[in-house]
Amino acid sequence: MGTNTQFDFLLISDSSPPTSGIPLPPNVCFCYLPLPEMQASVGLQLRLSVNLTLRRQGDVSAAKTNDLKPMWGEALSDLLQG
């Protein structure tokens, strides 16, 4: 990503950013967003009821975020305004 300086990259994760190892390039921004907060934020932005829970386990799941792929640009537009 660092060699592709024509683009800025936004990494969104519910995991903490790495604190050791190779630092992020200047064109890469890390955004920590826990899944429950993501679910609430996306629901408000899209004016929809968003459910990222797995039926069997009842936990919010990162796997369910794939269901929203067509909407990510709109759902996270506040993060993309940078």
N, C-alpha and C. Protein backbone atom coordinates (compact mmCIF):
# COMPACT_ATOMS: atom_id res chain seq x y z
N MET A 1 0.82 -1.19 0.00
CA MET A 1 0.00 0.00 0.00
C MET A 1 0.86 1.25 0.00
N GLY A 2 1.95 1.19 0.72
CA GLY A 2 2.82 2.35 0.80
C GLY A 2 3.44 2.74 -0.52
N THR A 3 3.63 1.79 -1.42
CA THR A 3 4.22 2.09 -2.72
C THR A 3 3.19 2.64 -3.71
N ASN A 4 1.92 2.51 -3.38
CA ASN A 4 0.84 3.00 -4.22
C ASN A 4 0.40 4.36 -3.70
N THR A 5 1.24 5.36 -3.87
CA THR A 5 1.01 6.67 -3.27
C THR A 5 -0.08 7.50 -3.95
N GLN A 6 -0.62 7.03 -5.06
CA GLN A 6 -1.70 7.76 -5.73
C GLN A 6 -3.01 7.63 -4.97
N PHE A 7 -3.08 6.68 -4.04
CA PHE A 7 -4.32 6.41 -3.32
C PHE A 7 -4.08 6.47 -1.82
N ASP A 8 -5.11 6.87 -1.10
CA ASP A 8 -5.10 6.77 0.35
C ASP A 8 -5.93 5.55 0.74
N PHE A 9 -5.50 4.85 1.76
CA PHE A 9 -6.17 3.65 2.20
C PHE A 9 -6.70 3.85 3.61
N LEU A 10 -7.90 3.40 3.85
CA LEU A 10 -8.52 3.45 5.16
C LEU A 10 -8.76 2.02 5.61
N LEU A 11 -8.07 1.60 6.65
CA LEU A 11 -8.24 0.27 7.21
C LEU A 11 -9.16 0.38 8.42
N ILE A 12 -10.29 -0.28 8.36
CA ILE A 12 -11.26 -0.24 9.45
C ILE A 12 -11.28 -1.62 10.08
N SER A 13 -11.10 -1.66 11.40
CA SER A 13 -11.02 -2.95 12.07
C SER A 13 -11.56 -2.84 13.49
N ASP A 14 -12.03 -3.97 13.99
CA ASP A 14 -12.44 -4.02 15.39
C ASP A 14 -11.29 -4.53 16.26
N SER A 15 -10.13 -4.71 15.67
CA SER A 15 -8.92 -5.07 16.40
C SER A 15 -8.07 -3.82 16.58
N SER A 16 -7.31 -3.79 17.64
CA SER A 16 -6.42 -2.66 17.88
C SER A 16 -5.34 -2.62 16.80
N PRO A 17 -4.85 -1.43 16.47
CA PRO A 17 -3.79 -1.35 15.47
C PRO A 17 -2.51 -1.99 16.01
N PRO A 18 -1.70 -2.52 15.13
CA PRO A 18 -0.44 -3.11 15.58
C PRO A 18 0.46 -2.04 16.19
N THR A 19 1.07 -2.38 17.32
CA THR A 19 1.93 -1.40 17.99
C THR A 19 3.41 -1.69 17.77
N SER A 20 3.70 -2.85 17.24
CA SER A 20 5.10 -3.18 16.96
C SER A 20 5.23 -3.62 15.51
N GLY A 21 6.44 -3.65 15.05
CA GLY A 21 6.67 -4.07 13.67
C GLY A 21 6.79 -2.89 12.74
N ILE A 22 6.33 -3.06 11.54
CA ILE A 22 6.46 -2.05 10.50
C ILE A 22 5.38 -0.98 10.68
N PRO A 23 5.75 0.30 10.73
CA PRO A 23 4.75 1.36 10.86
C PRO A 23 3.93 1.49 9.57
N LEU A 24 2.73 2.05 9.72
CA LEU A 24 1.88 2.26 8.55
C LEU A 24 2.46 3.36 7.68
N PRO A 25 2.38 3.20 6.36
CA PRO A 25 2.83 4.26 5.44
C PRO A 25 1.96 5.51 5.62
N PRO A 26 2.43 6.66 5.16
CA PRO A 26 1.67 7.90 5.32
C PRO A 26 0.32 7.92 4.61
N ASN A 27 0.16 7.10 3.58
CA ASN A 27 -1.12 7.09 2.85
C ASN A 27 -2.08 6.03 3.38
N VAL A 28 -1.79 5.47 4.55
CA VAL A 28 -2.65 4.46 5.17
C VAL A 28 -3.11 4.97 6.53
N CYS A 29 -4.41 4.98 6.73
CA CYS A 29 -5.00 5.43 7.98
C CYS A 29 -5.72 4.25 8.62
N PHE A 30 -5.48 4.03 9.90
CA PHE A 30 -6.14 2.94 10.63
C PHE A 30 -7.26 3.52 11.47
N CYS A 31 -8.43 2.93 11.38
CA CYS A 31 -9.59 3.38 12.15
C CYS A 31 -10.11 2.20 12.98
N TYR A 32 -10.03 2.33 14.31
CA TYR A 32 -10.56 1.31 15.20
C TYR A 32 -12.05 1.54 15.37
N LEU A 33 -12.86 0.55 15.02
CA LEU A 33 -14.31 0.66 15.11
C LEU A 33 -14.87 -0.68 15.56
N PRO A 34 -15.20 -0.82 16.86
CA PRO A 34 -15.77 -2.08 17.35
C PRO A 34 -17.06 -2.42 16.60
N LEU A 35 -17.32 -3.69 16.42
CA LEU A 35 -18.48 -4.12 15.63
C LEU A 35 -19.82 -3.56 16.15
N PRO A 36 -20.07 -3.55 17.45
CA PRO A 36 -21.36 -2.97 17.88
C PRO A 36 -21.49 -1.50 17.52
N GLU A 37 -20.39 -0.74 17.60
CA GLU A 37 -20.42 0.67 17.20
C GLU A 37 -20.61 0.80 15.69
N MET A 38 -19.97 -0.08 14.94
CA MET A 38 -20.13 -0.07 13.49
C MET A 38 -21.59 -0.34 13.13
N GLN A 39 -22.18 -1.32 13.78
CA GLN A 39 -23.57 -1.67 13.52
C GLN A 39 -24.48 -0.46 13.78
N ALA A 40 -24.28 0.22 14.89
CA ALA A 40 -25.10 1.39 15.22
C ALA A 40 -24.86 2.53 14.25
N SER A 41 -23.61 2.80 13.93
CA SER A 41 -23.26 3.90 13.03
C SER A 41 -23.81 3.68 11.62
N VAL A 42 -23.65 2.48 11.13
CA VAL A 42 -24.14 2.15 9.78
C VAL A 42 -25.66 2.25 9.74
N GLY A 43 -26.31 1.77 10.78
CA GLY A 43 -27.77 1.86 10.84
C GLY A 43 -28.27 3.29 10.81
N LEU A 44 -27.60 4.17 11.56
CA LEU A 44 -27.99 5.58 11.57
C LEU A 44 -27.73 6.24 10.22
N GLN A 45 -26.58 5.98 9.64
CA GLN A 45 -26.21 6.60 8.37
C GLN A 45 -27.15 6.18 7.23
N LEU A 46 -27.49 4.90 7.21
CA LEU A 46 -28.33 4.38 6.13
C LEU A 46 -29.83 4.47 6.44
N ARG A 47 -30.13 4.84 7.69
CA ARG A 47 -31.53 4.89 8.14
C ARG A 47 -32.20 3.53 7.97
N LEU A 48 -31.45 2.51 8.38
CA LEU A 48 -31.93 1.13 8.30
C LEU A 48 -31.68 0.43 9.63
N SER A 49 -32.40 -0.62 9.86
CA SER A 49 -32.08 -1.50 10.98
C SER A 49 -31.03 -2.48 10.48
N VAL A 50 -29.83 -2.41 11.05
CA VAL A 50 -28.72 -3.26 10.61
C VAL A 50 -28.46 -4.30 11.69
N ASN A 51 -28.46 -5.56 11.28
CA ASN A 51 -28.24 -6.65 12.22
C ASN A 51 -27.03 -7.45 11.78
N LEU A 52 -25.96 -7.36 12.56
CA LEU A 52 -24.72 -8.10 12.25
C LEU A 52 -24.55 -9.30 13.17
N THR A 53 -25.64 -9.78 13.74
CA THR A 53 -25.52 -10.92 14.65
C THR A 53 -25.72 -12.23 13.89
N LEU A 54 -25.02 -13.24 14.35
CA LEU A 54 -25.21 -14.57 13.80
C LEU A 54 -26.39 -15.21 14.51
N ARG A 55 -27.26 -15.84 13.77
CA ARG A 55 -28.48 -16.41 14.36
C ARG A 55 -28.20 -17.43 15.45
N ARG A 56 -27.31 -18.34 15.19
CA ARG A 56 -27.07 -19.43 16.13
C ARG A 56 -26.37 -18.97 17.40
N GLN A 57 -25.41 -18.05 17.25
CA GLN A 57 -24.60 -17.66 18.40
C GLN A 57 -25.10 -16.40 19.09
N GLY A 58 -25.81 -15.55 18.38
CA GLY A 58 -26.33 -14.33 18.96
C GLY A 58 -25.29 -13.24 19.16
N ASP A 59 -24.07 -13.45 18.69
CA ASP A 59 -23.01 -12.45 18.82
C ASP A 59 -22.89 -11.63 17.55
N VAL A 60 -22.46 -10.38 17.70
CA VAL A 60 -22.15 -9.56 16.53
C VAL A 60 -20.95 -10.18 15.84
N SER A 61 -21.02 -10.33 14.53
CA SER A 61 -19.99 -11.07 13.80
C SER A 61 -19.42 -10.27 12.64
N ALA A 62 -18.10 -10.30 12.53
CA ALA A 62 -17.44 -9.65 11.41
C ALA A 62 -17.84 -10.30 10.09
N ALA A 63 -18.16 -11.59 10.11
CA ALA A 63 -18.57 -12.28 8.88
C ALA A 63 -19.82 -11.65 8.28
N LYS A 64 -20.69 -11.12 9.12
CA LYS A 64 -21.92 -10.51 8.62
C LYS A 64 -21.67 -9.16 7.94
N THR A 65 -20.50 -8.56 8.16
CA THR A 65 -20.23 -7.28 7.51
C THR A 65 -20.14 -7.44 5.99
N ASN A 66 -19.88 -8.65 5.52
CA ASN A 66 -19.85 -8.89 4.07
C ASN A 66 -21.20 -8.62 3.43
N ASP A 67 -22.28 -8.77 4.19
CA ASP A 67 -23.62 -8.50 3.65
C ASP A 67 -23.79 -7.04 3.26
N LEU A 68 -22.96 -6.17 3.82
CA LEU A 68 -23.09 -4.74 3.57
C LEU A 68 -22.12 -4.21 2.52
N LYS A 69 -21.35 -5.05 1.88
CA LYS A 69 -20.33 -4.59 0.92
C LYS A 69 -20.85 -3.57 -0.08
N PRO A 70 -22.03 -3.76 -0.68
CA PRO A 70 -22.48 -2.77 -1.66
C PRO A 70 -22.75 -1.39 -1.06
N MET A 71 -22.86 -1.31 0.27
CA MET A 71 -23.24 -0.05 0.91
C MET A 71 -22.11 0.62 1.69
N TRP A 72 -20.92 0.05 1.73
CA TRP A 72 -19.87 0.58 2.59
C TRP A 72 -19.52 2.04 2.30
N GLY A 73 -19.44 2.42 1.07
CA GLY A 73 -19.10 3.81 0.74
C GLY A 73 -20.09 4.80 1.34
N GLU A 74 -21.34 4.50 1.23
CA GLU A 74 -22.38 5.36 1.79
C GLU A 74 -22.45 5.24 3.31
N ALA A 75 -22.34 4.02 3.80
CA ALA A 75 -22.48 3.77 5.23
C ALA A 75 -21.36 4.43 6.05
N LEU A 76 -20.17 4.50 5.49
CA LEU A 76 -19.03 5.06 6.21
C LEU A 76 -18.55 6.36 5.59
N SER A 77 -19.45 7.07 4.95
CA SER A 77 -19.09 8.30 4.24
C SER A 77 -18.46 9.34 5.16
N ASP A 78 -18.84 9.35 6.43
CA ASP A 78 -18.25 10.31 7.36
C ASP A 78 -16.75 10.06 7.55
N LEU A 79 -16.32 8.81 7.44
CA LEU A 79 -14.90 8.50 7.53
C LEU A 79 -14.14 8.81 6.25
N LEU A 80 -14.85 8.86 5.14
CA LEU A 80 -14.22 9.07 3.84
C LEU A 80 -14.07 10.54 3.48
N GLN A 81 -14.59 11.43 4.30
CA GLN A 81 -14.54 12.86 3.99
C GLN A 81 -13.17 13.48 4.18
N GLY A 82 -12.22 12.72 4.78
CA GLY A 82 -10.91 13.21 5.15
C GLY A 82 -10.14 13.87 4.10
